[in-house]
Amino acid sequence: MQAFLFDMDGVIVDSNPVHTVAWQIYLDRFGIVVPGLEDRMFGRRNDEIIRDFFPMALTDEEVFRHGANKEALYRELMGPQIASRLVPGVLDFLAARREVPAALATNAEPKNVAFVLDAAGLSDRFLAVVDGHQVERPKPHPEIYLKAARLVGAEPKDCVVFEDSYAGAEAARAAGARVVGVTTSHETFPDVDFTIAGFDDPRLAQWLGNGGSHDAVPTKRGQR
């Protein structure tokens, strides 16, 4: 492979449980209860989530304000626990493969991206960072991964994407990349090339060493 492309939430840091709590606290301030909140937020941009969660019509300014307020709450909650929420093995994996160009491609808000990368000591690890504000069409459209591959000088077919969401995996497949599903958000992960629970999985190094072919290491799709 020529490059690694990473999602952030659920791949670098297991943040989705904290996002869920932050949304519940924030929505409670407005008396809003959202059935299936977790499933409806995964892999989506804040503007999509807010327009889905709030029952009333909102202006763009109101959407922005709600998003900024909720994300400030998320960072407040996440701050004391971010070190313990890094996905197992991710720091060692990135350090051991510094020769492989890497980009971050995430629907996350820019302030959250800076917050996580700074706290994890990864601010200088990625050649490119593409967030949801830098593309017109969010995941599952492939635009974000096509742009990330271009910025690191790689063809999408020569990239391995690490994703935790179905929408993100769909975007990566549509871009033509190989996909490793990280099972922080879903226990099963259909239609990816490989699955891991963390980057400390010894099968990952073997799979990558064999060129990232699904058949290189016997594994069942969706296996944790």
C-alpha atoms as a PDB file:
ATOM      1  CA  MET A   1       0.000   0.000   0.000  1.00  0.00           C
ATOM      2  CA  GLN A   2       1.107   3.581  -0.587  1.00  0.00           C
ATOM      3  CA  ALA A   3      -0.909   5.336   2.120  1.00  0.00           C
ATOM      4  CA  PHE A   4      -3.100   4.899   5.174  1.00  0.00           C
ATOM      5  CA  LEU A   5      -6.296   6.946   5.477  1.00  0.00           C
ATOM      6  CA  PHE A   6      -7.892   7.135   8.925  1.00  0.00           C
ATOM      7  CA  ASP A   7     -11.273   8.146  10.196  1.00  0.00           C
ATOM      8  CA  MET A   8     -10.952   9.699  13.670  1.00  0.00           C
ATOM      9  CA  ASP A   9     -13.958   9.038  15.930  1.00  0.00           C
ATOM     10  CA  GLY A  10     -14.018   5.315  16.647  1.00  0.00           C
ATOM     11  CA  VAL A  11     -10.671   4.725  14.911  1.00  0.00           C
ATOM     12  CA  ILE A  12      -8.099   6.969  16.613  1.00  0.00           C
ATOM     13  CA  VAL A  13     -10.180   7.484  19.728  1.00  0.00           C
ATOM     14  CA  ASP A  14     -13.197   5.559  20.975  1.00  0.00           C
ATOM     15  CA  SER A  15     -15.221   8.738  21.327  1.00  0.00           C
ATOM     16  CA  ASN A  16     -18.682   7.678  20.218  1.00  0.00           C
ATOM     17  CA  PRO A  17     -19.880   6.755  23.740  1.00  0.00           C
ATOM     18  CA  VAL A  18     -18.869  10.248  24.900  1.00  0.00           C
ATOM     19  CA  HIS A  19     -20.558  11.879  21.905  1.00  0.00           C
ATOM     20  CA  THR A  20     -23.698   9.913  22.792  1.00  0.00           C
ATOM     21  CA  VAL A  21     -23.694  11.202  26.379  1.00  0.00           C
ATOM     22  CA  ALA A  22     -22.981  14.756  25.197  1.00  0.00           C
ATOM     23  CA  TRP A  23     -25.919  14.642  22.791  1.00  0.00           C
ATOM     24  CA  GLN A  24     -28.235  13.254  25.476  1.00  0.00           C
ATOM     25  CA  ILE A  25     -27.260  16.006  27.920  1.00  0.00           C
ATOM     26  CA  TYR A  26     -27.525  18.717  25.280  1.00  0.00           C
ATOM     27  CA  LEU A  27     -30.877  17.587  23.881  1.00  0.00           C
ATOM     28  CA  ASP A  28     -32.297  17.256  27.399  1.00  0.00           C
ATOM     29  CA  ARG A  29     -31.859  21.010  27.792  1.00  0.00           C
ATOM     30  CA  PHE A  30     -34.506  21.404  25.069  1.00  0.00           C
ATOM     31  CA  GLY A  31     -36.736  18.560  26.202  1.00  0.00           C
ATOM     32  CA  ILE A  32     -35.871  16.514  23.095  1.00  0.00           C
ATOM     33  CA  VAL A  33     -35.733  12.711  23.210  1.00  0.00           C
ATOM     34  CA  VAL A  34     -34.335  10.985  20.119  1.00  0.00           C
ATOM     35  CA  PRO A  35     -35.129   7.274  19.690  1.00  0.00           C
ATOM     36  CA  GLY A  36     -32.144   5.341  18.386  1.00  0.00           C
ATOM     37  CA  LEU A  37     -29.858   8.303  18.959  1.00  0.00           C
ATOM     38  CA  GLU A  38     -26.605   6.351  18.630  1.00  0.00           C
ATOM     39  CA  ASP A  39     -27.461   4.737  15.305  1.00  0.00           C
ATOM     40  CA  ARG A  40     -28.705   8.046  13.904  1.00  0.00           C
ATOM     41  CA  MET A  41     -25.537   9.971  14.755  1.00  0.00           C
ATOM     42  CA  PHE A  42     -22.805   7.534  13.689  1.00  0.00           C
ATOM     43  CA  GLY A  43     -20.819   8.569  10.639  1.00  0.00           C
ATOM     44  CA  ARG A  44     -22.732  11.808  10.022  1.00  0.00           C
ATOM     45  CA  ARG A  45     -21.803  15.498  10.034  1.00  0.00           C
ATOM     46  CA  ASN A  46     -23.209  17.749  12.744  1.00  0.00           C
ATOM     47  CA  ASP A  47     -25.403  19.711  10.350  1.00  0.00           C
ATOM     48  CA  GLU A  48     -27.116  16.467   9.294  1.00  0.00           C
ATOM     49  CA  ILE A  49     -27.477  15.284  12.899  1.00  0.00           C
ATOM     50  CA  ILE A  50     -28.913  18.561  14.191  1.00  0.00           C
ATOM     51  CA  ARG A  51     -31.506  18.856  11.434  1.00  0.00           C
ATOM     52  CA  ASP A  52     -32.512  15.266  12.170  1.00  0.00           C
ATOM     53  CA  PHE A  53     -32.645  15.582  15.952  1.00  0.00           C
ATOM     54  CA  PHE A  54     -34.403  18.946  16.292  1.00  0.00           C
ATOM     55  CA  PRO A  55     -38.091  18.767  15.358  1.00  0.00           C
ATOM     56  CA  MET A  56     -38.341  22.422  14.340  1.00  0.00           C
ATOM     57  CA  ALA A  57     -36.968  24.148  11.253  1.00  0.00           C
ATOM     58  CA  LEU A  58     -33.604  25.770  11.993  1.00  0.00           C
ATOM     59  CA  THR A  59     -31.645  28.476  10.235  1.00  0.00           C
ATOM     60  CA  ASP A  60     -28.043  27.797   9.237  1.00  0.00           C
ATOM     61  CA  GLU A  61     -26.932  30.078  12.068  1.00  0.00           C
ATOM     62  CA  GLU A  62     -28.969  28.096  14.611  1.00  0.00           C
ATOM     63  CA  VAL A  63     -27.555  24.818  13.289  1.00  0.00           C
ATOM     64  CA  PHE A  64     -24.032  26.176  13.655  1.00  0.00           C
ATOM     65  CA  ARG A  65     -24.706  27.433  17.181  1.00  0.00           C
ATOM     66  CA  HIS A  66     -26.200  24.135  18.363  1.00  0.00           C
ATOM     67  CA  GLY A  67     -23.285  22.237  16.857  1.00  0.00           C
ATOM     68  CA  ALA A  68     -20.678  24.487  18.483  1.00  0.00           C
ATOM     69  CA  ASN A  69     -22.375  24.268  21.878  1.00  0.00           C
ATOM     70  CA  LYS A  70     -22.717  20.498  21.767  1.00  0.00           C
ATOM     71  CA  GLU A  71     -19.094  20.006  20.696  1.00  0.00           C
ATOM     72  CA  ALA A  72     -17.848  22.277  23.476  1.00  0.00           C
ATOM     73  CA  LEU A  73     -19.748  20.026  25.891  1.00  0.00           C
ATOM     74  CA  TYR A  74     -18.195  16.941  24.255  1.00  0.00           C
ATOM     75  CA  ARG A  75     -14.668  18.309  24.696  1.00  0.00           C
ATOM     76  CA  GLU A  76     -15.402  19.147  28.323  1.00  0.00           C
ATOM     77  CA  LEU A  77     -16.551  15.571  28.964  1.00  0.00           C
ATOM     78  CA  MET A  78     -13.782  13.941  26.929  1.00  0.00           C
ATOM     79  CA  GLY A  79     -10.836  15.947  28.278  1.00  0.00           C
ATOM     80  CA  PRO A  80     -10.213  13.945  31.472  1.00  0.00           C
ATOM     81  CA  GLN A  81     -10.570  10.555  29.762  1.00  0.00           C
ATOM     82  CA  ILE A  82      -9.070  10.921  26.298  1.00  0.00           C
ATOM     83  CA  ALA A  83      -5.866   9.001  27.098  1.00  0.00           C
ATOM     84  CA  SER A  84      -7.885   5.992  28.253  1.00  0.00           C
ATOM     85  CA  ARG A  85     -10.111   6.178  25.165  1.00  0.00           C
ATOM     86  CA  LEU A  86      -7.426   5.927  22.501  1.00  0.00           C
ATOM     87  CA  VAL A  87      -8.105   2.824  20.425  1.00  0.00           C
ATOM     88  CA  PRO A  88      -5.721   0.075  21.630  1.00  0.00           C
ATOM     89  CA  GLY A  89      -2.423   0.034  19.771  1.00  0.00           C
ATOM     90  CA  VAL A  90      -3.093   3.055  17.554  1.00  0.00           C
ATOM     91  CA  LEU A  91      -0.156   5.141  18.782  1.00  0.00           C
ATOM     92  CA  ASP A  92       2.318   2.264  18.415  1.00  0.00           C
ATOM     93  CA  PHE A  93       0.907   1.408  14.977  1.00  0.00           C
ATOM     94  CA  LEU A  94       1.362   4.969  13.718  1.00  0.00           C
ATOM     95  CA  ALA A  95       4.828   5.262  15.246  1.00  0.00           C
ATOM     96  CA  ALA A  96       6.030   1.972  13.747  1.00  0.00           C
ATOM     97  CA  ARG A  97       4.839   2.904  10.244  1.00  0.00           C
ATOM     98  CA  ARG A  98       6.052   6.459   9.910  1.00  0.00           C
ATOM     99  CA  GLU A  99       7.379   5.664   6.447  1.00  0.00           C
ATOM    100  CA  VAL A 100       3.825   5.162   5.182  1.00  0.00           C
ATOM    101  CA  PRO A 101       2.080   8.467   4.325  1.00  0.00           C
ATOM    102  CA  ALA A 102      -1.077   8.924   6.346  1.00  0.00           C
ATOM    103  CA  ALA A 103      -4.076  11.245   6.212  1.00  0.00           C
ATOM    104  CA  LEU A 104      -7.041  11.842   8.469  1.00  0.00           C
ATOM    105  CA  ALA A 105     -10.441  11.944   6.766  1.00  0.00           C
ATOM    106  CA  THR A 106     -13.219  12.656   9.226  1.00  0.00           C
ATOM    107  CA  ASN A 107     -16.684  14.168   9.446  1.00  0.00           C
ATOM    108  CA  ALA A 108     -15.654  15.608  12.831  1.00  0.00           C
ATOM    109  CA  GLU A 109     -15.692  19.309  13.591  1.00  0.00           C
ATOM    110  CA  PRO A 110     -12.312  21.061  13.122  1.00  0.00           C
ATOM    111  CA  LYS A 111     -12.033  22.006  16.820  1.00  0.00           C
ATOM    112  CA  ASN A 112     -12.598  18.370  17.787  1.00  0.00           C
ATOM    113  CA  VAL A 113      -9.938  17.228  15.326  1.00  0.00           C
ATOM    114  CA  ALA A 114      -7.380  19.635  16.788  1.00  0.00           C
ATOM    115  CA  PHE A 115      -8.420  18.671  20.323  1.00  0.00           C
ATOM    116  CA  VAL A 116      -7.951  14.921  19.750  1.00  0.00           C
ATOM    117  CA  LEU A 117      -4.726  15.190  17.769  1.00  0.00           C
ATOM    118  CA  ASP A 118      -3.162  17.561  20.298  1.00  0.00           C
ATOM    119  CA  ALA A 119      -4.174  15.399  23.265  1.00  0.00           C
ATOM    120  CA  ALA A 120      -2.907  12.221  21.556  1.00  0.00           C
ATOM    121  CA  GLY A 121       0.384  13.789  20.455  1.00  0.00           C
ATOM    122  CA  LEU A 122      -0.458  13.210  16.803  1.00  0.00           C
ATOM    123  CA  SER A 123      -0.615  16.763  15.491  1.00  0.00           C
ATOM    124  CA  ASP A 124       2.411  16.235  13.243  1.00  0.00           C
ATOM    125  CA  ARG A 125       1.723  12.627  12.212  1.00  0.00           C
ATOM    126  CA  PHE A 126      -0.674  13.185   9.311  1.00  0.00           C
ATOM    127  CA  LEU A 127       0.407  14.670   5.994  1.00  0.00           C
ATOM    128  CA  ALA A 128      -3.148  15.866   5.422  1.00  0.00           C
ATOM    129  CA  VAL A 129      -6.276  16.377   7.505  1.00  0.00           C
ATOM    130  CA  VAL A 130      -9.611  16.578   5.705  1.00  0.00           C
ATOM    131  CA  ASP A 131     -12.643  17.373   7.837  1.00  0.00           C
ATOM    132  CA  GLY A 132     -16.315  17.527   6.998  1.00  0.00           C
ATOM    133  CA  HIS A 133     -16.188  21.254   6.284  1.00  0.00           C
ATOM    134  CA  GLN A 134     -13.702  20.743   3.446  1.00  0.00           C
ATOM    135  CA  VAL A 135     -15.982  18.650   1.258  1.00  0.00           C
ATOM    136  CA  GLU A 136     -19.377  19.335  -0.263  1.00  0.00           C
ATOM    137  CA  ARG A 137     -20.702  15.797   0.113  1.00  0.00           C
ATOM    138  CA  PRO A 138     -20.131  13.945   3.403  1.00  0.00           C
ATOM    139  CA  LYS A 139     -19.697  10.209   3.857  1.00  0.00           C
ATOM    140  CA  PRO A 140     -21.008   7.858   2.468  1.00  0.00           C
ATOM    141  CA  HIS A 141     -20.034   9.836  -0.635  1.00  0.00           C
ATOM    142  CA  PRO A 142     -16.380   9.035  -1.490  1.00  0.00           C
ATOM    143  CA  GLU A 143     -15.322  12.689  -1.886  1.00  0.00           C
ATOM    144  CA  ILE A 144     -13.497  12.899   1.440  1.00  0.00           C
ATOM    145  CA  TYR A 145     -11.373   9.810   0.747  1.00  0.00           C
ATOM    146  CA  LEU A 146     -10.674  10.795  -2.842  1.00  0.00           C
ATOM    147  CA  LYS A 147      -9.424  14.168  -1.578  1.00  0.00           C
ATOM    148  CA  ALA A 148      -7.341  12.637   1.216  1.00  0.00           C
ATOM    149  CA  ALA A 149      -5.660  10.209  -1.205  1.00  0.00           C
ATOM    150  CA  ARG A 150      -4.890  13.033  -3.608  1.00  0.00           C
ATOM    151  CA  LEU A 151      -3.359  15.156  -0.850  1.00  0.00           C
ATOM    152  CA  VAL A 152      -0.903  12.399   0.116  1.00  0.00           C
ATOM    153  CA  GLY A 153      -0.075  11.664  -3.524  1.00  0.00           C
ATOM    154  CA  ALA A 154      -1.601   8.194  -3.681  1.00  0.00           C
ATOM    155  CA  GLU A 155      -4.146   6.477  -5.889  1.00  0.00           C
ATOM    156  CA  PRO A 156      -7.209   5.371  -3.873  1.00  0.00           C
ATOM    157  CA  LYS A 157      -6.670   1.759  -4.973  1.00  0.00           C
ATOM    158  CA  ASP A 158      -3.272   1.884  -3.239  1.00  0.00           C
ATOM    159  CA  CYS A 159      -4.725   3.116   0.058  1.00  0.00           C
ATOM    160  CA  VAL A 160      -5.908   1.253   3.130  1.00  0.00           C
ATOM    161  CA  VAL A 161      -8.734   3.015   4.961  1.00  0.00           C
ATOM    162  CA  PHE A 162      -9.476   2.433   8.647  1.00  0.00           C
ATOM    163  CA  GLU A 163     -13.152   3.037   9.442  1.00  0.00           C
ATOM    164  CA  ASP A 164     -15.610   2.309  12.246  1.00  0.00           C
ATOM    165  CA  SER A 165     -18.876   3.377  10.592  1.00  0.00           C
ATOM    166  CA  TYR A 166     -20.919   1.774   7.840  1.00  0.00           C
ATOM    167  CA  ALA A 167     -21.209   5.132   6.055  1.00  0.00           C
ATOM    168  CA  GLY A 168     -17.458   5.609   6.197  1.00  0.00           C
ATOM    169  CA  ALA A 169     -16.741   2.108   4.933  1.00  0.00           C
ATOM    170  CA  GLU A 170     -19.166   2.678   2.069  1.00  0.00           C
ATOM    171  CA  ALA A 171     -17.354   5.923   1.205  1.00  0.00           C
ATOM    172  CA  ALA A 172     -13.977   4.181   1.226  1.00  0.00           C
ATOM    173  CA  ARG A 173     -15.208   1.326  -0.951  1.00  0.00           C
ATOM    174  CA  ALA A 174     -16.760   3.770  -3.395  1.00  0.00           C
ATOM    175  CA  ALA A 175     -13.402   5.564  -3.604  1.00  0.00           C
ATOM    176  CA  GLY A 176     -11.773   2.270  -4.599  1.00  0.00           C
ATOM    177  CA  ALA A 177      -9.708   1.758  -1.424  1.00  0.00           C
ATOM    178  CA  ARG A 178      -9.282  -1.347   0.687  1.00  0.00           C
ATOM    179  CA  VAL A 179     -11.101  -1.085   4.002  1.00  0.00           C
ATOM    180  CA  VAL A 180     -10.257  -2.253   7.506  1.00  0.00           C
ATOM    181  CA  GLY A 181     -13.285  -2.141   9.790  1.00  0.00           C
ATOM    182  CA  VAL A 182     -12.510  -1.144  13.381  1.00  0.00           C
ATOM    183  CA  THR A 183     -15.191  -2.685  15.570  1.00  0.00           C
ATOM    184  CA  THR A 184     -15.535   0.037  18.190  1.00  0.00           C
ATOM    185  CA  SER A 185     -19.004   1.078  17.023  1.00  0.00           C
ATOM    186  CA  HIS A 186     -20.321  -2.135  15.429  1.00  0.00           C
ATOM    187  CA  GLU A 187     -19.621  -5.722  16.437  1.00  0.00           C
ATOM    188  CA  THR A 188     -20.096  -6.932  12.891  1.00  0.00           C
ATOM    189  CA  PHE A 189     -18.725  -5.229   9.811  1.00  0.00           C
ATOM    190  CA  PRO A 190     -19.934  -6.602   6.457  1.00  0.00           C
ATOM    191  CA  ASP A 191     -18.318  -5.813   3.129  1.00  0.00           C
ATOM    192  CA  VAL A 192     -14.885  -4.770   4.369  1.00  0.00           C
ATOM    193  CA  ASP A 193     -11.571  -6.436   3.577  1.00  0.00           C
ATOM    194  CA  PHE A 194     -10.475  -7.039   7.156  1.00  0.00           C
ATOM    195  CA  THR A 195     -11.697  -6.344  10.689  1.00  0.00           C
ATOM    196  CA  ILE A 196      -9.885  -5.533  13.919  1.00  0.00           C
ATOM    197  CA  ALA A 197     -10.924  -4.602  17.436  1.00  0.00           C
ATOM    198  CA  GLY A 198      -7.704  -2.615  17.885  1.00  0.00           C
ATOM    199  CA  PHE A 199      -4.406  -1.899  16.187  1.00  0.00           C
ATOM    200  CA  ASP A 200      -2.661  -4.304  18.556  1.00  0.00           C
ATOM    201  CA  ASP A 201      -4.257  -7.223  16.698  1.00  0.00           C
ATOM    202  CA  PRO A 202      -1.261  -9.290  15.456  1.00  0.00           C
ATOM    203  CA  ARG A 203      -3.207 -10.384  12.386  1.00  0.00           C
ATOM    204  CA  LEU A 204      -3.181  -6.801  11.087  1.00  0.00           C
ATOM    205  CA  ALA A 205       0.590  -6.688  10.570  1.00  0.00           C
ATOM    206  CA  GLN A 206       0.443 -10.022   8.765  1.00  0.00           C
ATOM    207  CA  TRP A 207      -2.413  -8.886   6.552  1.00  0.00           C
ATOM    208  CA  LEU A 208      -0.645  -5.662   5.631  1.00  0.00           C
ATOM    209  CA  GLY A 209       2.597  -7.557   5.078  1.00  0.00           C
ATOM    210  CA  ASN A 210       0.826  -9.718   2.531  1.00  0.00           C
ATOM    211  CA  GLY A 211      -0.348  -6.693   0.583  1.00  0.00           C
ATOM    212  CA  GLY A 212      -3.718  -6.163   2.214  1.00  0.00           C
ATOM    213  CA  SER A 213      -5.465  -8.975   0.378  1.00  0.00           C
ATOM    214  CA  HIS A 214      -8.570 -10.265   2.133  1.00  0.00           C
ATOM    215  CA  ASP A 215      -7.383 -13.826   1.588  1.00  0.00           C
ATOM    216  CA  ALA A 216      -3.899 -13.200   2.990  1.00  0.00           C
ATOM    217  CA  VAL A 217      -4.948 -14.018   6.556  1.00  0.00           C
ATOM    218  CA  PRO A 218      -7.945 -16.314   7.097  1.00  0.00           C
ATOM    219  CA  THR A 219     -10.548 -14.238   8.889  1.00  0.00           C
ATOM    220  CA  LYS A 220     -14.305 -14.018   8.890  1.00  0.00           C
ATOM    221  CA  ARG A 221     -15.800 -10.673   7.950  1.00  0.00           C
ATOM    222  CA  GLY A 222     -17.177  -9.092  11.056  1.00  0.00           C
ATOM    223  CA  GLN A 223     -14.833 -11.086  13.320  1.00  0.00           C
ATOM    224  CA  ARG A 224     -13.610  -9.215  16.364  1.00  0.00           C
END
